[in-house]
Amino acid sequence: MKNTGLWRIGAAGVAVAVWSAVGGVSALAADEKKDAAAEVKPAAVLAIDVPGIGTPVDPNRVIVDVDGVKLTQREMDEQLKQMLSSPRMAGIPPEQLAQIRPRMEDTVKKNFIGRVVLVKEADRLKIEVTPEEIDKAIEQLQGRIPPGANFEDLLKQSGLTVDSLKKEMTRDMRIGKLLEQETAEKAKVSDEEIEKFYNDSREQFRQPEQAHARHILFKTEPDADDKTKQEKKAAAEAARKQLTEGADFAALAKEKSDCPSGKQGGDLGNFERGNMVKEFEDAAFSQKLNDIGPIVETKFGYHIIQVLERTEAKDKTLAESRDEIVGYMKQRKQRAAVDGYLEELQAKAKITDADDAKPADAPDAKPAAAEPAK
């Protein structure tokens, strides 16, 4: 994950963050993920009066009531604004927002219902998290800050403070502990299941031929004229001569390469066929190991390539594939277990939709802000 989207911890993103943390993604999370893929928003779209987003409605209108905990229209709109503020939303034309809104509203409502029933169950079972656990989680979150970004600034962009972040993380981690506790047994994977999956899916465990190479790129623009291309090629030839005379490849790549990989000494890591442009791929899978190959021209410019290693295609053994299989099967089982557990809790709750719910300002109304979050 990347950028400020990482910091949209609360509101619409809670279900995803929590259930992903225990290795499963519930139906609610799947809905959220699907909507997130379509998220988009120019700054103007955040305004609540944008066509399709801002049809005037009573802000106290109750969207759904879960055991007395109410989601109001005002809270729904706030959460929609948070979802729309994701950088991934940038670019959706305002006229399309009217089509997107119903799915987003449904996601917010489902996530709200899920949070309420899960927090109530965590309360009943007295599941808690310590301040130390919260501090550790905050530290881990800070460790994922994009280079050059500021923790407080990112929180502010997401409409959060350190205190509100801690409150939401406390709630989410309590839910995470609850789900882990209630679904762990159902997510266990037996040796028999692992072996059967491996035998039934052998083609998935074929490891294709790979090459490990590094390069130095002398970039040319698509509209570069012949003179510019010749100059770039001459520079590449001069650098290649330095390498054949013993210059250090990594140092020269850091100095001269126009590819971002230059910072890593030109190292591209391991790659399979089909991952690089054809001219580059042909060289990488044919050059002798450690040779300084001839200049290769691609649409990106002129490359000096050195192949460090090649591995032949092979079938991974059961032992080599075991961890991958366990991870996949455990996640699949956890997903099913979380879905089933959530359905059980929702079946026990009294859930009233907007048409039947009382106004939020009725005497016995309980705002969503009062949702337990110990």
Protein backbone atom coordinates (compact mmCIF):
# COMPACT_ATOMS: atom_id res chain seq x y z
CA MET A 1 0.00 0.00 0.00
CA LYS A 2 1.11 3.44 -0.54
CA ASN A 3 0.58 7.13 0.03
CA THR A 4 -2.13 8.74 2.13
CA GLY A 5 -4.52 5.91 1.37
CA LEU A 6 -2.58 4.00 4.00
CA TRP A 7 -3.77 6.41 6.60
CA ARG A 8 -7.49 6.15 5.96
CA ILE A 9 -7.71 3.91 9.01
CA GLY A 10 -11.15 4.74 10.28
CA ALA A 11 -14.56 5.24 8.82
CA ALA A 12 -15.06 3.19 5.69
CA GLY A 13 -11.69 1.47 5.84
CA VAL A 14 -11.95 -0.16 9.29
CA ALA A 15 -13.38 -3.51 8.29
CA VAL A 16 -10.68 -4.07 5.70
CA ALA A 17 -7.85 -3.16 8.05
CA VAL A 18 -9.11 -5.32 10.89
CA TRP A 19 -10.03 -8.45 9.00
CA SER A 20 -6.94 -8.32 6.84
CA ALA A 21 -4.89 -8.19 10.04
CA VAL A 22 -6.12 -11.65 11.03
CA GLY A 23 -5.61 -13.01 7.54
CA GLY A 24 -9.21 -13.03 6.37
CA VAL A 25 -11.39 -10.72 4.33
CA SER A 26 -15.09 -10.85 5.07
CA ALA A 27 -17.90 -10.14 2.68
CA LEU A 28 -17.92 -6.61 4.03
CA ALA A 29 -14.24 -6.21 3.39
CA ALA A 30 -14.66 -7.59 -0.10
CA ASP A 31 -17.28 -4.94 -0.80
CA GLU A 32 -15.02 -2.26 0.60
CA LYS A 33 -12.09 -3.48 -1.47
CA LYS A 34 -14.20 -3.53 -4.60
CA ASP A 35 -15.37 0.02 -4.01
CA ALA A 36 -11.87 1.17 -3.15
CA ALA A 37 -10.69 0.00 -6.56
CA ALA A 38 -13.14 2.44 -8.11
CA GLU A 39 -12.47 5.29 -5.67
CA VAL A 40 -11.77 8.67 -7.18
CA LYS A 41 -11.99 12.30 -6.37
CA PRO A 42 -10.83 15.65 -7.56
CA ALA A 43 -10.90 18.17 -4.73
CA ALA A 44 -14.18 19.58 -5.98
CA VAL A 45 -15.88 16.23 -5.54
CA LEU A 46 -15.48 16.44 -1.78
CA ALA A 47 -18.11 19.14 -1.66
CA ILE A 48 -21.33 17.62 -0.48
CA ASP A 49 -23.30 19.51 -3.12
CA VAL A 50 -21.66 17.78 -6.07
CA PRO A 51 -24.28 16.31 -8.43
CA GLY A 52 -25.04 12.75 -7.40
CA ILE A 53 -23.39 13.19 -4.01
CA GLY A 54 -25.20 16.09 -2.49
CA THR A 55 -28.94 15.57 -2.78
CA PRO A 56 -30.18 17.50 0.29
CA VAL A 57 -31.32 15.12 3.03
CA ASP A 58 -32.02 15.48 6.73
CA PRO A 59 -28.59 15.03 8.37
CA ASN A 60 -30.31 13.38 11.35
CA ARG A 61 -31.99 10.76 9.19
CA VAL A 62 -31.16 7.27 10.49
CA ILE A 63 -29.66 4.98 7.86
CA VAL A 64 -29.55 1.90 10.06
CA ASP A 65 -30.02 1.06 13.74
CA VAL A 66 -28.05 -1.85 15.23
CA ASP A 67 -29.12 -2.70 18.77
CA GLY A 68 -29.74 0.99 19.45
CA VAL A 69 -26.53 2.24 17.84
CA LYS A 70 -27.52 4.49 14.95
CA LEU A 71 -25.76 5.48 11.75
CA THR A 72 -27.07 8.91 10.68
CA GLN A 73 -27.03 10.60 7.32
CA ARG A 74 -24.47 13.11 8.66
CA GLU A 75 -22.10 10.28 9.64
CA MET A 76 -22.73 8.53 6.33
CA ASP A 77 -21.80 11.71 4.44
CA GLU A 78 -18.64 12.17 6.52
CA GLN A 79 -17.53 8.62 5.76
CA LEU A 80 -18.29 9.03 2.07
CA LYS A 81 -16.12 12.14 2.04
CA GLN A 82 -13.29 10.16 3.61
CA MET A 83 -13.64 7.44 0.97
CA LEU A 84 -13.69 10.07 -1.79
CA SER A 85 -10.56 11.74 -0.41
CA SER A 86 -8.41 8.75 -1.33
CA PRO A 87 -5.78 9.56 -4.01
CA ARG A 88 -7.04 6.52 -5.91
CA MET A 89 -10.29 8.40 -6.51
CA ALA A 90 -8.59 11.17 -8.46
CA GLY A 91 -9.99 11.30 -11.97
CA ILE A 92 -13.59 10.11 -11.73
CA PRO A 93 -15.82 12.64 -13.50
CA PRO A 94 -18.46 14.16 -11.20
CA GLU A 95 -21.24 12.83 -13.44
CA GLN A 96 -20.20 9.28 -12.56
CA LEU A 97 -20.46 9.84 -8.82
CA ALA A 98 -24.21 9.34 -8.84
CA GLN A 99 -23.64 5.80 -10.12
CA ILE A 100 -20.91 5.10 -7.56
CA ARG A 101 -22.69 6.48 -4.51
CA PRO A 102 -25.18 3.62 -3.93
CA ARG A 103 -22.36 1.04 -3.73
CA MET A 104 -20.33 3.29 -1.45
CA GLU A 105 -23.34 3.85 0.83
CA ASP A 106 -23.95 0.11 0.97
CA THR A 107 -20.30 -0.45 1.91
CA VAL A 108 -20.44 2.13 4.69
CA LYS A 109 -23.65 0.62 6.05
CA LYS A 110 -22.37 -2.96 5.97
CA ASN A 111 -19.11 -1.98 7.62
CA PHE A 112 -21.01 -0.08 10.31
CA ILE A 113 -23.21 -3.09 11.08
CA GLY A 114 -20.19 -5.36 11.22
CA ARG A 115 -18.26 -3.03 13.52
CA VAL A 116 -21.12 -2.61 15.94
CA VAL A 117 -21.88 -6.32 16.38
CA LEU A 118 -18.18 -7.20 16.64
CA VAL A 119 -17.42 -4.49 19.22
CA LYS A 120 -20.44 -5.53 21.29
CA GLU A 121 -19.21 -9.12 21.25
CA ALA A 122 -15.71 -8.01 22.19
CA ASP A 123 -17.28 -6.10 25.10
CA ARG A 124 -19.23 -9.18 26.18
CA LEU A 125 -16.11 -11.36 26.13
CA LYS A 126 -14.04 -8.59 27.83
CA ILE A 127 -11.43 -8.54 25.08
CA GLU A 128 -8.98 -5.69 25.61
CA VAL A 129 -5.73 -4.30 24.19
CA THR A 130 -3.03 -2.68 26.28
CA PRO A 131 -1.58 0.82 25.79
CA GLU A 132 1.71 -0.90 24.97
CA GLU A 133 0.08 -2.85 22.13
CA ILE A 134 -1.38 0.36 20.74
CA ASP A 135 1.96 2.17 20.95
CA LYS A 136 3.68 -0.71 19.15
CA ALA A 137 1.04 -0.66 16.40
CA ILE A 138 1.51 3.12 16.00
CA GLU A 139 5.27 2.61 15.68
CA GLN A 140 4.73 0.00 12.97
CA LEU A 141 2.38 2.37 11.16
CA GLN A 142 4.95 5.17 11.34
CA GLY A 143 7.50 2.78 9.84
CA ARG A 144 5.36 2.59 6.71
CA ILE A 145 5.34 6.34 6.10
CA PRO A 146 6.25 7.09 2.47
CA PRO A 147 9.68 8.76 2.07
CA GLY A 148 9.47 12.50 2.71
CA ALA A 149 6.01 12.31 4.31
CA ASN A 150 5.16 13.49 7.81
CA PHE A 151 3.12 11.37 10.24
CA GLU A 152 1.05 14.25 11.63
CA ASP A 153 0.42 15.69 8.17
CA LEU A 154 -0.84 12.35 6.89
CA LEU A 155 -3.15 12.01 9.88
CA LYS A 156 -4.48 15.50 9.25
CA GLN A 157 -5.14 14.70 5.58
CA SER A 158 -7.18 11.71 6.73
CA GLY A 159 -9.16 13.79 9.20
CA LEU A 160 -7.50 12.12 12.19
CA THR A 161 -5.53 13.17 15.26
CA VAL A 162 -3.17 10.96 17.24
CA ASP A 163 -5.88 10.51 19.87
CA SER A 164 -8.61 9.62 17.36
CA LEU A 165 -6.19 7.26 15.61
CA LYS A 166 -5.46 5.50 18.90
CA LYS A 167 -9.18 5.21 19.62
CA GLU A 168 -9.90 3.65 16.24
CA MET A 169 -6.87 1.35 16.43
CA THR A 170 -7.97 0.22 19.90
CA ARG A 171 -11.37 -0.71 18.53
CA ASP A 172 -9.90 -2.41 15.47
CA MET A 173 -7.33 -4.39 17.43
CA ARG A 174 -10.01 -5.58 19.85
CA ILE A 175 -12.02 -6.80 16.87
CA GLY A 176 -8.89 -8.42 15.46
CA LYS A 177 -8.31 -10.32 18.70
CA LEU A 178 -11.93 -11.40 18.77
CA LEU A 179 -11.85 -12.73 15.22
CA GLU A 180 -8.54 -14.50 15.81
CA GLN A 181 -9.92 -16.11 18.95
CA GLU A 182 -13.19 -17.21 17.36
CA THR A 183 -11.88 -18.40 13.98
CA ALA A 184 -8.37 -19.74 14.66
CA GLU A 185 -9.44 -23.36 15.05
CA LYS A 186 -11.53 -23.29 11.88
CA ALA A 187 -8.58 -21.93 9.90
CA LYS A 188 -6.18 -24.77 10.67
CA VAL A 189 -4.84 -26.64 7.65
CA SER A 190 -4.03 -30.36 7.83
CA ASP A 191 -1.15 -32.17 6.10
CA GLU A 192 -3.71 -34.12 4.07
CA GLU A 193 -5.31 -30.91 2.80
CA ILE A 194 -1.91 -29.46 1.87
CA GLU A 195 -0.90 -32.57 -0.07
CA LYS A 196 -4.25 -32.78 -1.86
CA PHE A 197 -4.09 -29.12 -2.88
CA TYR A 198 -0.55 -29.58 -4.19
CA ASN A 199 -1.44 -32.67 -6.22
CA ASP A 200 -4.61 -31.08 -7.61
CA SER A 201 -2.82 -27.88 -8.61
CA ARG A 202 0.62 -28.97 -9.75
CA GLU A 203 0.67 -26.55 -12.67
CA GLN A 204 0.52 -23.64 -10.21
CA PHE A 205 3.82 -24.69 -8.69
CA ARG A 206 5.90 -24.64 -11.83
CA GLN A 207 8.66 -22.07 -11.42
CA PRO A 208 9.47 -20.50 -14.80
CA GLU A 209 12.95 -19.76 -16.09
CA GLN A 210 14.37 -16.63 -14.48
CA ALA A 211 17.26 -14.27 -15.04
CA HIS A 212 18.99 -11.96 -12.58
CA ALA A 213 20.55 -8.99 -14.32
CA ARG A 214 21.71 -5.44 -13.88
CA HIS A 215 21.93 -2.71 -16.47
CA ILE A 216 22.89 0.87 -17.22
CA LEU A 217 20.36 2.83 -19.26
CA PHE A 218 21.09 5.81 -21.48
CA LYS A 219 17.54 7.02 -21.96
CA THR A 220 16.12 8.45 -25.18
CA GLU A 221 12.76 10.15 -25.56
CA PRO A 222 10.28 8.74 -28.10
CA ASP A 223 10.56 11.87 -30.24
CA ALA A 224 14.38 12.11 -30.03
CA ASP A 225 16.08 12.98 -33.33
CA ASP A 226 18.88 10.91 -34.89
CA LYS A 227 21.60 13.21 -33.59
CA THR A 228 20.43 12.84 -29.99
CA LYS A 229 20.17 9.07 -30.38
CA GLN A 230 23.68 8.84 -31.75
CA GLU A 231 25.00 10.90 -28.85
CA LYS A 232 23.28 8.62 -26.34
CA LYS A 233 24.56 5.53 -28.10
CA ALA A 234 28.10 6.94 -28.13
CA ALA A 235 27.84 7.61 -24.38
CA ALA A 236 26.68 4.02 -23.85
CA GLU A 237 29.59 2.67 -25.91
CA ALA A 238 32.05 4.77 -23.89
CA ALA A 239 30.62 3.45 -20.62
CA ARG A 240 30.74 -0.12 -21.92
CA LYS A 241 34.42 0.36 -22.77
CA GLN A 242 35.06 1.48 -19.18
CA LEU A 243 33.37 -1.70 -17.92
CA THR A 244 35.34 -4.01 -20.19
CA GLU A 245 38.49 -2.34 -18.88
CA GLY A 246 37.56 -3.16 -15.31
CA ALA A 247 35.35 -0.31 -14.05
CA ASP A 248 32.95 -1.21 -11.24
CA PHE A 249 29.49 -1.87 -12.73
CA ALA A 250 27.47 -0.79 -9.68
CA ALA A 251 29.43 2.44 -9.24
CA LEU A 252 29.10 3.33 -12.93
CA ALA A 253 25.38 2.56 -12.87
CA LYS A 254 24.88 4.90 -9.92
CA GLU A 255 26.79 7.60 -11.77
CA LYS A 256 25.40 7.29 -15.29
CA SER A 257 22.18 5.24 -15.47
CA ASP A 258 18.92 7.03 -16.30
CA CYS A 259 16.92 4.14 -14.81
CA PRO A 260 15.70 4.32 -11.18
CA SER A 261 17.54 1.01 -10.66
CA GLY A 262 20.77 3.01 -10.95
CA LYS A 263 20.45 3.81 -7.25
CA GLN A 264 20.80 0.06 -6.59
CA GLY A 265 23.79 -0.25 -8.87
CA GLY A 266 21.53 -1.11 -11.81
CA ASP A 267 20.28 -4.31 -10.15
CA LEU A 268 16.90 -5.42 -11.53
CA GLY A 269 16.62 -8.54 -9.38
CA ASN A 270 15.09 -11.74 -10.75
CA PHE A 271 12.55 -11.62 -13.57
CA GLU A 272 10.75 -14.07 -15.85
CA ARG A 273 10.22 -14.03 -19.57
CA GLY A 274 7.50 -11.60 -20.52
CA ASN A 275 8.40 -9.06 -17.84
CA MET A 276 10.81 -7.03 -19.96
CA VAL A 277 10.65 -5.58 -23.47
CA LYS A 278 11.61 -8.18 -26.08
CA GLU A 279 15.06 -6.80 -27.00
CA PHE A 280 16.10 -6.66 -23.36
CA GLU A 281 14.62 -10.09 -22.61
CA ASP A 282 16.38 -11.71 -25.56
CA ALA A 283 19.72 -10.43 -24.30
CA ALA A 284 19.07 -11.33 -20.68
CA PHE A 285 18.21 -14.93 -21.53
CA SER A 286 21.02 -15.47 -24.04
CA GLN A 287 24.10 -13.59 -22.82
CA LYS A 288 26.87 -15.45 -21.05
CA LEU A 289 26.85 -14.99 -17.30
CA ASN A 290 28.84 -12.00 -16.02
CA ASP A 291 29.76 -10.82 -19.54
CA ILE A 292 29.36 -7.13 -20.37
CA GLY A 293 26.98 -7.54 -23.26
CA PRO A 294 26.78 -5.47 -26.45
CA ILE A 295 24.67 -2.32 -26.44
CA VAL A 296 20.97 -3.19 -26.64
CA GLU A 297 18.50 -0.66 -28.04
CA THR A 298 14.90 -0.65 -26.81
CA LYS A 299 12.13 1.94 -26.85
CA PHE A 300 13.61 3.26 -23.60
CA GLY A 301 17.06 3.92 -24.99
CA TYR A 302 20.43 2.14 -24.94
CA HIS A 303 21.24 -0.53 -22.34
CA ILE A 304 24.44 -2.13 -21.12
CA ILE A 305 23.38 -5.47 -19.62
CA GLN A 306 25.21 -7.88 -17.33
CA VAL A 307 23.49 -11.16 -16.48
CA LEU A 308 24.46 -12.34 -13.01
CA GLU A 309 22.47 -15.56 -12.77
CA ARG A 310 19.91 -17.70 -14.57
CA THR A 311 17.72 -20.46 -13.18
CA GLU A 312 16.04 -23.07 -15.31
CA ALA A 313 12.31 -23.71 -15.16
CA LYS A 314 11.40 -26.38 -12.63
CA ASP A 315 8.51 -27.81 -10.65
CA LYS A 316 8.59 -26.75 -7.03
CA THR A 317 8.42 -29.65 -4.59
CA LEU A 318 5.72 -30.03 -1.97
CA ALA A 319 8.23 -29.00 0.69
CA GLU A 320 9.14 -25.85 -1.27
CA SER A 321 5.47 -25.02 -1.82
CA ARG A 322 4.20 -25.85 1.66
CA ASP A 323 4.29 -22.35 3.18
CA GLU A 324 2.61 -20.83 0.13
CA ILE A 325 -0.16 -23.46 0.23
CA VAL A 326 -0.71 -23.08 3.98
CA GLY A 327 -0.94 -19.29 3.64
CA TYR A 328 -3.47 -19.51 0.82
CA MET A 329 -5.63 -22.18 2.42
CA LYS A 330 -5.54 -20.55 5.84
CA GLN A 331 -6.65 -17.24 4.37
CA ARG A 332 -9.48 -18.94 2.48
CA LYS A 333 -10.64 -20.76 5.62
CA GLN A 334 -10.39 -17.62 7.73
CA ARG A 335 -12.46 -15.71 5.19
CA ALA A 336 -15.21 -18.31 5.36
CA ALA A 337 -14.99 -18.50 9.17
CA VAL A 338 -15.20 -14.71 9.56
CA ASP A 339 -18.15 -14.53 7.18
CA GLY A 340 -19.98 -17.25 9.08
CA TYR A 341 -19.18 -15.75 12.48
CA LEU A 342 -20.37 -12.31 11.37
CA GLU A 343 -23.61 -13.77 10.04
CA GLU A 344 -24.23 -15.43 13.42
CA LEU A 345 -23.68 -12.18 15.32
CA GLN A 346 -25.86 -10.19 12.93
CA ALA A 347 -28.63 -12.77 13.21
CA LYS A 348 -28.69 -12.21 16.98
CA ALA A 349 -28.72 -8.41 16.67
CA LYS A 350 -31.74 -6.20 16.16
CA ILE A 351 -31.01 -4.40 12.90
CA THR A 352 -33.48 -1.82 11.60
CA ASP A 353 -33.06 -0.13 8.22
CA ALA A 354 -33.88 3.51 7.47
CA ASP A 355 -37.51 2.93 6.53
CA ASP A 356 -38.32 1.44 9.91
CA ALA A 357 -35.88 3.31 12.19
CA LYS A 358 -36.87 6.25 14.39
CA PRO A 359 -35.37 9.70 13.76
CA ALA A 360 -31.96 10.16 15.34
CA ASP A 361 -33.32 12.91 17.59
CA ALA A 362 -35.98 10.62 19.07
CA PRO A 363 -35.78 10.31 22.90
CA ASP A 364 -34.20 6.83 22.88
CA ALA A 365 -31.82 7.54 19.99
CA LYS A 366 -28.19 6.57 20.46
CA PRO A 367 -25.71 8.13 17.99
CA ALA A 368 -23.10 6.07 16.23
CA ALA A 369 -20.44 8.09 18.01
CA ALA A 370 -21.40 6.19 21.14
CA GLU A 371 -20.32 2.92 19.50
CA PRO A 372 -18.12 1.16 22.11
CA ALA A 373 -14.44 1.59 21.46
CA LYS A 374 -12.55 0.65 24.57
